[in-house]
Amino acid sequence: MKLKILIIILLNSSMLCHADKRIYETDSSGNRKYDKPSYTLTDSGRIYETDSSGNRKYDGENFKIDGKRIYSTDTSGNRLYNKPSHSISNTGQIYETDSSGNRRYEGQNYRLDGNKILPTDTSGNRQYNKPQFVIK
């Protein structure tokens, strides 16, 4: 789920442009981890898991960006209310929320920094021991 949350973080209105974007997990040096799943962000705001060749994994996790919220969905795009969602603040901070929209402080937080999605603690400090992501 950590990867899915990261993908959601990088999605804000400026990221939703003409072409599909790919999201990859990287190490702390920025090298892509080929053994980890990647994600595709479509121009309609849908995010879905892909294999290393770029083929959609229908059994993988799916997300939908709706304004400043990122929701877990099934393969048809229907919201899953039993899964936590994420909110994107105006500063680019992404944090986990419950089904009512209340912030969950025990969840993983992220920060959008250019084309990178960086893990942070609840205070916004970067966590170097957690996976990070890059958007291409």
Protein backbone atom coordinates (compact mmCIF):
# COMPACT_ATOMS: atom_id res chain seq x y z
CA MET A 1 0.00 0.00 0.00
CA LYS A 2 2.98 2.31 0.59
CA LEU A 3 3.64 2.51 -3.14
CA LYS A 4 0.05 3.32 -3.91
CA ILE A 5 0.03 6.16 -1.44
CA LEU A 6 3.17 7.58 -2.98
CA ILE A 7 1.61 7.62 -6.38
CA ILE A 8 -1.37 9.43 -5.06
CA ILE A 9 0.83 12.09 -3.57
CA LEU A 10 2.37 13.12 -6.82
CA LEU A 11 -0.99 13.74 -8.33
CA ASN A 12 -2.16 17.27 -8.25
CA SER A 13 -3.87 19.36 -10.88
CA SER A 14 -0.63 20.35 -12.60
CA MET A 15 0.38 16.69 -12.98
CA LEU A 16 -2.78 15.81 -14.87
CA CYS A 17 -1.70 16.72 -18.35
CA HIS A 18 -1.91 15.28 -21.85
CA ALA A 19 0.08 12.03 -21.74
CA ASP A 20 0.08 9.13 -19.32
CA LYS A 21 2.84 9.29 -16.74
CA ARG A 22 4.69 6.40 -15.11
CA ILE A 23 5.59 6.26 -11.43
CA TYR A 24 8.56 4.15 -10.35
CA GLU A 25 9.94 3.26 -6.93
CA THR A 26 13.58 4.30 -6.52
CA ASP A 27 16.33 3.89 -3.95
CA SER A 28 17.71 6.87 -2.03
CA SER A 29 20.15 7.58 -4.92
CA GLY A 30 17.33 7.80 -7.46
CA ASN A 31 17.99 4.45 -9.18
CA ARG A 32 14.84 2.64 -10.30
CA LYS A 33 13.96 -0.58 -8.45
CA TYR A 34 13.02 -2.96 -11.24
CA ASP A 35 11.78 -5.65 -8.85
CA LYS A 36 9.06 -3.33 -7.48
CA PRO A 37 5.74 -2.60 -9.22
CA SER A 38 5.30 0.66 -11.09
CA TYR A 39 2.15 2.69 -11.70
CA THR A 40 0.56 4.52 -14.60
CA LEU A 41 -1.21 7.83 -14.08
CA THR A 42 -3.71 8.56 -16.83
CA ASP A 43 -4.86 12.03 -17.89
CA SER A 44 -8.30 11.21 -16.45
CA GLY A 45 -6.83 10.86 -12.93
CA ARG A 46 -6.86 7.06 -12.75
CA ILE A 47 -3.80 5.32 -11.30
CA TYR A 48 -3.21 1.63 -11.80
CA GLU A 49 -0.44 -0.84 -11.12
CA THR A 50 1.66 -2.08 -14.06
CA ASP A 51 4.28 -4.78 -14.51
CA SER A 52 7.86 -4.08 -15.60
CA SER A 53 6.79 -4.13 -19.28
CA GLY A 54 4.08 -1.51 -18.74
CA ASN A 55 1.12 -3.92 -18.94
CA ARG A 56 -1.77 -3.24 -16.59
CA LYS A 57 -2.05 -5.63 -13.63
CA TYR A 58 -5.78 -6.12 -13.17
CA ASP A 59 -5.29 -7.72 -9.76
CA GLY A 60 -3.14 -4.79 -8.57
CA GLU A 61 -4.21 -1.69 -6.70
CA ASN A 62 -6.10 1.10 -8.45
CA PHE A 63 -6.65 4.73 -7.47
CA LYS A 64 -8.63 7.72 -8.63
CA ILE A 65 -7.67 11.36 -8.13
CA ASP A 66 -10.66 13.57 -7.48
CA GLY A 67 -9.66 17.16 -6.81
CA LYS A 68 -7.33 17.12 -3.80
CA ARG A 69 -8.29 13.58 -2.74
CA ILE A 70 -6.94 10.20 -3.83
CA TYR A 71 -9.28 7.23 -3.43
CA SER A 72 -8.69 3.48 -3.66
CA THR A 73 -10.87 1.93 -6.37
CA ASP A 74 -11.65 -1.46 -7.83
CA THR A 75 -10.68 -2.33 -11.42
CA SER A 76 -13.89 -0.70 -12.69
CA GLY A 77 -13.13 2.62 -10.97
CA ASN A 78 -15.66 2.29 -8.14
CA ARG A 79 -14.48 3.77 -4.82
CA LEU A 80 -13.57 1.29 -2.08
CA TYR A 81 -14.94 2.80 1.12
CA ASN A 82 -13.21 0.24 3.34
CA LYS A 83 -9.74 1.49 2.28
CA PRO A 84 -8.11 4.71 3.49
CA SER A 85 -7.89 7.67 1.12
CA HIS A 86 -5.30 10.44 0.86
CA SER A 87 -5.49 14.21 0.80
CA ILE A 88 -3.11 16.59 -0.94
CA SER A 89 -2.47 19.91 0.79
CA ASN A 90 -1.70 23.16 -1.02
CA THR A 91 1.97 22.76 -0.01
CA GLY A 92 2.27 19.36 -1.73
CA GLN A 93 2.08 17.34 1.48
CA ILE A 94 0.13 14.08 1.09
CA TYR A 95 -1.39 12.41 4.11
CA GLU A 96 -3.68 9.48 4.80
CA THR A 97 -7.29 10.04 5.83
CA ASP A 98 -10.07 7.75 7.04
CA SER A 99 -13.35 7.24 5.19
CA SER A 100 -14.78 10.40 6.84
CA GLY A 101 -11.88 12.57 5.69
CA ASN A 102 -10.19 12.85 9.11
CA ARG A 103 -6.38 12.80 9.06
CA ARG A 104 -4.78 9.54 10.22
CA TYR A 105 -1.53 10.40 11.99
CA GLU A 106 -0.26 6.81 12.07
CA GLY A 107 -0.32 6.50 8.27
CA GLN A 108 2.60 7.18 5.93
CA ASN A 109 2.90 10.76 4.65
CA TYR A 110 4.55 11.99 1.46
CA ARG A 111 5.66 15.24 -0.13
CA LEU A 112 5.65 16.08 -3.81
CA ASP A 113 9.02 17.61 -4.72
CA GLY A 114 9.20 18.31 -8.46
CA ASN A 115 8.98 14.90 -10.14
CA LYS A 116 9.77 13.02 -6.91
CA ILE A 117 7.49 11.68 -4.21
CA LEU A 118 9.34 11.65 -0.91
CA PRO A 119 8.25 9.88 2.31
CA THR A 120 7.89 12.15 5.34
CA ASP A 121 6.91 11.85 8.98
CA THR A 122 3.85 13.60 10.44
CA SER A 123 5.90 16.81 10.90
CA GLY A 124 6.97 16.89 7.24
CA ASN A 125 10.57 15.75 7.81
CA ARG A 126 11.95 13.45 5.12
CA GLN A 127 12.35 9.76 5.97
CA TYR A 128 15.39 8.33 4.22
CA ASN A 129 14.71 4.72 5.27
CA LYS A 130 11.37 4.55 3.36
CA PRO A 131 10.89 4.01 -0.39
CA GLN A 132 10.62 7.06 -2.62
CA PHE A 133 9.15 7.45 -6.11
CA VAL A 134 9.89 9.30 -9.33
CA ILE A 135 7.40 10.39 -12.00
CA LYS A 136 8.42 10.14 -15.65
